[in-house]
Amino acid sequence: FSEAERSPMWQGHLQMLRPLKRKYVRALTAVENTATQLAAEVRQSQPFQAELLSDNVTREEAIELISTSHKMLGANAPKWM
């Protein structure tokens, strides 16, 4: 919005731009609040695991995990695979 406000194209129409800016900021704030709330709920529902899993994951294991998760979601495999 800062770029638009400085743009010569919007100079005569700033009154139109300002309400859109407020609406956009409110929408982004609502999305951010929802994401924060969801993250907190997920953290609360996940029991803490005292043992840490190994960070040594092979390339094949990582690709298998990614492929499986995409299949579960019904998504196409990433192009890089």
Protein backbone atom coordinates (compact mmCIF):
# COMPACT_ATOMS: atom_id res chain seq x y z
CA PHE A 1 0.00 0.00 0.00
CA SER A 2 2.93 2.34 0.59
CA GLU A 3 3.99 1.89 -3.02
CA ALA A 4 0.44 2.54 -4.24
CA GLU A 5 0.16 5.68 -2.10
CA ARG A 6 3.37 7.02 -3.65
CA SER A 7 2.33 6.03 -7.15
CA PRO A 8 1.20 8.89 -9.40
CA MET A 9 -1.57 6.64 -10.70
CA TRP A 10 -3.29 6.63 -7.27
CA GLN A 11 -2.75 10.30 -6.39
CA GLY A 12 -6.30 11.30 -7.25
CA HIS A 13 -7.82 8.17 -5.71
CA LEU A 14 -6.27 7.92 -2.24
CA GLN A 15 -9.73 8.06 -0.65
CA MET A 16 -10.51 4.76 -2.39
CA LEU A 17 -7.21 3.20 -1.34
CA ARG A 18 -7.33 3.96 2.40
CA PRO A 19 -10.50 1.93 3.21
CA LEU A 20 -9.07 -1.00 1.24
CA LYS A 21 -5.86 -0.74 3.23
CA ARG A 22 -7.77 -0.85 6.53
CA LYS A 23 -9.86 -3.80 5.33
CA TYR A 24 -6.73 -5.65 4.15
CA VAL A 25 -4.94 -5.07 7.47
CA ARG A 26 -7.99 -6.30 9.42
CA ALA A 27 -8.20 -9.44 7.26
CA LEU A 28 -4.49 -10.19 7.70
CA THR A 29 -4.78 -9.65 11.45
CA ALA A 30 -7.70 -12.08 11.61
CA VAL A 31 -5.72 -14.68 9.65
CA GLU A 32 -2.70 -14.20 11.91
CA ASN A 33 -4.85 -14.53 15.06
CA THR A 34 -6.48 -17.69 13.72
CA ALA A 35 -3.10 -19.21 12.83
CA THR A 36 -1.76 -18.38 16.30
CA GLN A 37 -4.80 -19.94 17.94
CA LEU A 38 -4.54 -23.09 15.80
CA ALA A 39 -0.84 -23.44 16.60
CA ALA A 40 -1.55 -23.11 20.32
CA GLU A 41 -4.32 -25.73 20.15
CA VAL A 42 -2.09 -28.15 18.26
CA ARG A 43 0.70 -27.65 20.82
CA GLN A 44 -1.73 -28.31 23.67
CA SER A 45 -3.15 -31.45 22.07
CA GLN A 46 0.27 -32.94 21.31
CA PRO A 47 1.75 -34.69 24.33
CA PHE A 48 5.35 -33.80 25.03
CA GLN A 49 7.75 -36.52 23.97
CA ALA A 50 10.64 -36.84 26.39
CA GLU A 51 12.70 -38.84 23.96
CA LEU A 52 14.06 -37.14 20.87
CA LEU A 53 14.07 -38.89 17.57
CA SER A 54 17.23 -39.22 15.58
CA ASP A 55 18.01 -36.47 13.09
CA ASN A 56 19.75 -38.98 10.84
CA VAL A 57 17.21 -39.37 8.06
CA THR A 58 18.35 -40.76 4.76
CA ARG A 59 17.40 -39.14 1.49
CA GLU A 60 15.28 -42.18 0.61
CA GLU A 61 13.40 -41.99 3.93
CA ALA A 62 12.71 -38.29 3.41
CA ILE A 63 11.43 -38.86 -0.14
CA GLU A 64 9.26 -41.76 1.06
CA LEU A 65 7.77 -39.60 3.82
CA ILE A 66 7.07 -36.73 1.41
CA SER A 67 5.53 -39.08 -1.17
CA THR A 68 3.34 -40.76 1.44
CA SER A 69 2.10 -37.45 2.86
CA HIS A 70 1.26 -36.17 -0.62
CA LYS A 71 -0.66 -39.38 -1.41
CA MET A 72 -2.57 -39.12 1.88
CA LEU A 73 -3.56 -35.55 1.01
CA GLY A 74 -4.43 -36.46 -2.57
CA ALA A 75 -1.84 -34.05 -3.93
CA ASN A 76 0.51 -34.56 -6.83
CA ALA A 77 4.12 -35.33 -5.99
CA PRO A 78 6.42 -32.29 -6.03
CA LYS A 79 8.07 -31.63 -9.39
CA TRP A 80 11.57 -31.97 -7.94
CA MET A 81 10.98 -35.62 -6.98
